[in-house]
Amino acid sequence: MFLVQGAHDWRLSADQLQTWCDQFRHLDVEAECLKAQAWCAANPGRRKTARGMPRFLVQWLLRADADRVQRARAETRPMPWRP
């Protein structure tokens, strides 16, 4: 599924994907990983190492979750009253 090619190829294992799905229950983790893969392909100069990929993806998922929470809060805020 998720593969980053470079000096050392890195693949996302099914076990790691399942772990992150359990940890980030409110996210579509697979979709977020595909977005991260697209970002890596579009930014070859900022390519991650095989060793750094798990950290990169966890940071990506944390950011996506924070964005989700922020959007949910914005949707529940009352609109300011204007005469």
N, C-alpha and C. Protein backbone atom coordinates (compact mmCIF):
# COMPACT_ATOMS: atom_id res chain seq x y z
N MET A 1 0.82 -1.19 0.00
CA MET A 1 0.00 0.00 0.00
C MET A 1 0.86 1.26 0.00
N PHE A 2 1.48 1.56 1.09
CA PHE A 2 2.27 2.78 1.23
C PHE A 2 3.73 2.43 1.06
N LEU A 3 4.37 3.06 0.08
CA LEU A 3 5.77 2.80 -0.20
C LEU A 3 6.45 4.12 -0.49
N VAL A 4 7.56 4.35 0.17
CA VAL A 4 8.40 5.50 -0.15
C VAL A 4 9.70 4.95 -0.68
N GLN A 5 10.04 5.36 -1.89
CA GLN A 5 11.24 4.85 -2.52
C GLN A 5 12.36 5.86 -2.38
N GLY A 6 13.54 5.35 -2.21
CA GLY A 6 14.72 6.18 -2.07
C GLY A 6 15.91 5.28 -1.88
N ALA A 7 16.90 5.78 -1.17
CA ALA A 7 18.08 4.96 -0.91
C ALA A 7 17.69 3.68 -0.18
N HIS A 8 16.76 3.78 0.72
CA HIS A 8 16.23 2.62 1.45
C HIS A 8 14.71 2.69 1.38
N ASP A 9 14.12 1.77 0.63
CA ASP A 9 12.66 1.77 0.51
C ASP A 9 12.04 1.48 1.87
N TRP A 10 10.86 2.05 2.07
CA TRP A 10 10.14 1.84 3.33
C TRP A 10 8.70 1.50 3.00
N ARG A 11 8.18 0.48 3.62
CA ARG A 11 6.79 0.06 3.44
C ARG A 11 6.06 0.11 4.78
N LEU A 12 4.83 0.54 4.72
CA LEU A 12 3.97 0.54 5.90
C LEU A 12 3.41 -0.86 6.07
N SER A 13 3.69 -1.47 7.19
CA SER A 13 3.20 -2.83 7.44
C SER A 13 1.73 -2.79 7.86
N ALA A 14 1.06 -3.90 7.64
CA ALA A 14 -0.34 -4.01 8.05
C ALA A 14 -0.48 -3.87 9.56
N ASP A 15 0.48 -4.39 10.30
CA ASP A 15 0.44 -4.27 11.76
C ASP A 15 0.55 -2.82 12.21
N GLN A 16 1.47 -2.08 11.59
CA GLN A 16 1.65 -0.67 11.96
C GLN A 16 0.40 0.13 11.59
N LEU A 17 -0.16 -0.15 10.41
CA LEU A 17 -1.39 0.54 9.99
C LEU A 17 -2.51 0.27 10.99
N GLN A 18 -2.67 -0.98 11.41
CA GLN A 18 -3.72 -1.32 12.37
C GLN A 18 -3.48 -0.62 13.71
N THR A 19 -2.23 -0.55 14.15
CA THR A 19 -1.91 0.14 15.41
C THR A 19 -2.33 1.59 15.33
N TRP A 20 -1.99 2.26 14.22
CA TRP A 20 -2.35 3.67 14.08
C TRP A 20 -3.86 3.85 13.93
N CYS A 21 -4.54 2.92 13.27
CA CYS A 21 -6.00 2.99 13.17
C CYS A 21 -6.62 2.91 14.55
N ASP A 22 -6.06 2.07 15.41
CA ASP A 22 -6.56 1.96 16.79
C ASP A 22 -6.27 3.23 17.59
N GLN A 23 -5.12 3.85 17.35
CA GLN A 23 -4.73 5.03 18.11
C GLN A 23 -5.41 6.29 17.62
N PHE A 24 -5.73 6.36 16.35
CA PHE A 24 -6.36 7.54 15.75
C PHE A 24 -7.73 7.13 15.21
N ARG A 25 -8.62 6.76 16.12
CA ARG A 25 -9.93 6.22 15.73
C ARG A 25 -10.79 7.18 14.93
N HIS A 26 -10.59 8.46 15.11
CA HIS A 26 -11.45 9.44 14.44
C HIS A 26 -10.91 9.85 13.07
N LEU A 27 -9.80 9.29 12.65
CA LEU A 27 -9.20 9.62 11.36
C LEU A 27 -9.31 8.44 10.40
N ASP A 28 -9.34 8.76 9.12
CA ASP A 28 -9.17 7.74 8.09
C ASP A 28 -7.66 7.64 7.88
N VAL A 29 -7.03 6.78 8.66
CA VAL A 29 -5.57 6.68 8.69
C VAL A 29 -5.02 6.29 7.33
N GLU A 30 -5.68 5.37 6.66
CA GLU A 30 -5.19 4.94 5.35
C GLU A 30 -5.20 6.11 4.36
N ALA A 31 -6.26 6.90 4.37
CA ALA A 31 -6.32 8.08 3.48
C ALA A 31 -5.24 9.08 3.83
N GLU A 32 -5.01 9.30 5.12
CA GLU A 32 -3.97 10.25 5.53
C GLU A 32 -2.58 9.75 5.11
N CYS A 33 -2.35 8.45 5.19
CA CYS A 33 -1.06 7.89 4.76
C CYS A 33 -0.87 8.07 3.26
N LEU A 34 -1.95 7.92 2.50
CA LEU A 34 -1.86 8.14 1.05
C LEU A 34 -1.58 9.62 0.74
N LYS A 35 -2.15 10.53 1.51
CA LYS A 35 -1.84 11.95 1.33
C LYS A 35 -0.37 12.21 1.64
N ALA A 36 0.14 11.59 2.69
CA ALA A 36 1.54 11.75 3.05
C ALA A 36 2.45 11.18 1.96
N GLN A 37 2.04 10.06 1.38
CA GLN A 37 2.81 9.46 0.30
C GLN A 37 2.85 10.39 -0.90
N ALA A 38 1.72 11.01 -1.22
CA ALA A 38 1.67 11.96 -2.33
C ALA A 38 2.57 13.16 -2.04
N TRP A 39 2.57 13.62 -0.80
CA TRP A 39 3.43 14.75 -0.43
C TRP A 39 4.89 14.37 -0.62
N CYS A 40 5.27 13.16 -0.20
CA CYS A 40 6.66 12.70 -0.35
C CYS A 40 7.05 12.64 -1.83
N ALA A 41 6.14 12.17 -2.67
CA ALA A 41 6.43 12.07 -4.11
C ALA A 41 6.57 13.45 -4.74
N ALA A 42 5.79 14.41 -4.25
CA ALA A 42 5.81 15.77 -4.81
C ALA A 42 6.96 16.60 -4.28
N ASN A 43 7.59 16.16 -3.21
CA ASN A 43 8.68 16.90 -2.58
C ASN A 43 9.92 16.03 -2.45
N PRO A 44 10.52 15.60 -3.57
CA PRO A 44 11.65 14.68 -3.49
C PRO A 44 12.86 15.25 -2.74
N GLY A 45 13.00 16.55 -2.74
CA GLY A 45 14.12 17.16 -2.02
C GLY A 45 13.96 17.08 -0.52
N ARG A 46 12.74 16.80 -0.06
CA ARG A 46 12.48 16.69 1.38
C ARG A 46 12.11 15.26 1.76
N ARG A 47 12.57 14.34 0.93
CA ARG A 47 12.26 12.93 1.13
C ARG A 47 12.75 12.47 2.51
N LYS A 48 11.97 11.64 3.13
CA LYS A 48 12.30 11.12 4.45
C LYS A 48 13.11 9.84 4.31
N THR A 49 13.91 9.55 5.31
CA THR A 49 14.65 8.30 5.32
C THR A 49 13.72 7.18 5.78
N ALA A 50 14.12 5.95 5.52
CA ALA A 50 13.32 4.81 5.98
C ALA A 50 13.21 4.85 7.51
N ARG A 51 14.27 5.21 8.16
CA ARG A 51 14.27 5.28 9.62
C ARG A 51 13.34 6.39 10.14
N GLY A 52 13.23 7.48 9.40
CA GLY A 52 12.42 8.61 9.84
C GLY A 52 10.96 8.56 9.44
N MET A 53 10.57 7.60 8.61
CA MET A 53 9.19 7.56 8.13
C MET A 53 8.15 7.35 9.23
N PRO A 54 8.35 6.44 10.18
CA PRO A 54 7.32 6.30 11.21
C PRO A 54 7.07 7.60 11.97
N ARG A 55 8.11 8.30 12.32
CA ARG A 55 7.96 9.58 13.04
C ARG A 55 7.24 10.60 12.16
N PHE A 56 7.63 10.68 10.88
CA PHE A 56 6.98 11.59 9.94
C PHE A 56 5.48 11.30 9.86
N LEU A 57 5.10 10.02 9.75
CA LEU A 57 3.69 9.68 9.63
C LEU A 57 2.91 9.94 10.92
N VAL A 58 3.52 9.67 12.06
CA VAL A 58 2.83 9.97 13.31
C VAL A 58 2.60 11.47 13.43
N GLN A 59 3.60 12.28 13.08
CA GLN A 59 3.41 13.73 13.11
C GLN A 59 2.32 14.15 12.14
N TRP A 60 2.27 13.53 10.97
CA TRP A 60 1.23 13.82 9.98
C TRP A 60 -0.15 13.51 10.56
N LEU A 61 -0.28 12.35 11.21
CA LEU A 61 -1.56 11.95 11.80
C LEU A 61 -1.95 12.86 12.96
N LEU A 62 -0.99 13.25 13.78
CA LEU A 62 -1.28 14.18 14.87
C LEU A 62 -1.79 15.51 14.34
N ARG A 63 -1.16 16.00 13.28
CA ARG A 63 -1.58 17.27 12.67
C ARG A 63 -2.98 17.14 12.07
N ALA A 64 -3.24 16.03 11.39
CA ALA A 64 -4.56 15.80 10.80
C ALA A 64 -5.63 15.73 11.89
N ASP A 65 -5.32 15.09 13.01
CA ASP A 65 -6.27 15.00 14.10
C ASP A 65 -6.52 16.37 14.73
N ALA A 66 -5.47 17.15 14.90
CA ALA A 66 -5.63 18.50 15.45
C ALA A 66 -6.47 19.36 14.51
N ASP A 67 -6.26 19.23 13.22
CA ASP A 67 -7.07 19.97 12.25
C ASP A 67 -8.53 19.55 12.33
N ARG A 68 -8.78 18.25 12.50
CA ARG A 68 -10.14 17.75 12.62
C ARG A 68 -10.83 18.34 13.85
N VAL A 69 -10.12 18.38 14.97
CA VAL A 69 -10.68 18.93 16.21
C VAL A 69 -10.96 20.42 16.03
N GLN A 70 -10.04 21.14 15.42
CA GLN A 70 -10.22 22.57 15.22
C GLN A 70 -11.43 22.86 14.32
N ARG A 71 -11.61 22.07 13.26
CA ARG A 71 -12.78 22.25 12.38
C ARG A 71 -14.07 21.96 13.13
N ALA A 72 -14.06 20.93 13.97
CA ALA A 72 -15.26 20.58 14.73
C ALA A 72 -15.62 21.70 15.70
N ARG A 73 -14.62 22.29 16.34
CA ARG A 73 -14.88 23.40 17.26
C ARG A 73 -15.43 24.61 16.52
N ALA A 74 -14.89 24.88 15.34
CA ALA A 74 -15.35 26.04 14.56
C ALA A 74 -16.80 25.85 14.14
N GLU A 75 -17.19 24.62 13.86
CA GLU A 75 -18.57 24.36 13.44
C GLU A 75 -19.56 24.51 14.58
N THR A 76 -19.12 24.34 15.82
CA THR A 76 -20.04 24.42 16.95
C THR A 76 -20.06 25.79 17.62
N ARG A 77 -19.17 26.68 17.21
CA ARG A 77 -19.16 28.03 17.78
C ARG A 77 -20.38 28.80 17.30
N PRO A 78 -21.01 29.52 18.21
CA PRO A 78 -22.14 30.34 17.76
C PRO A 78 -21.63 31.52 16.92
N MET A 79 -22.43 31.88 15.96
CA MET A 79 -22.09 33.03 15.12
C MET A 79 -22.25 34.30 15.95
N PRO A 80 -21.34 35.24 15.78
CA PRO A 80 -21.46 36.50 16.53
C PRO A 80 -22.72 37.26 16.09
N TRP A 81 -23.35 37.90 17.08
CA TRP A 81 -24.57 38.64 16.80
C TRP A 81 -24.22 39.94 16.10
N ARG A 82 -24.91 40.23 15.04
CA ARG A 82 -24.71 41.51 14.33
C ARG A 82 -26.07 42.13 14.08
N PRO A 83 -26.22 43.39 14.45
CA PRO A 83 -27.52 44.04 14.26
C PRO A 83 -27.83 44.30 12.80
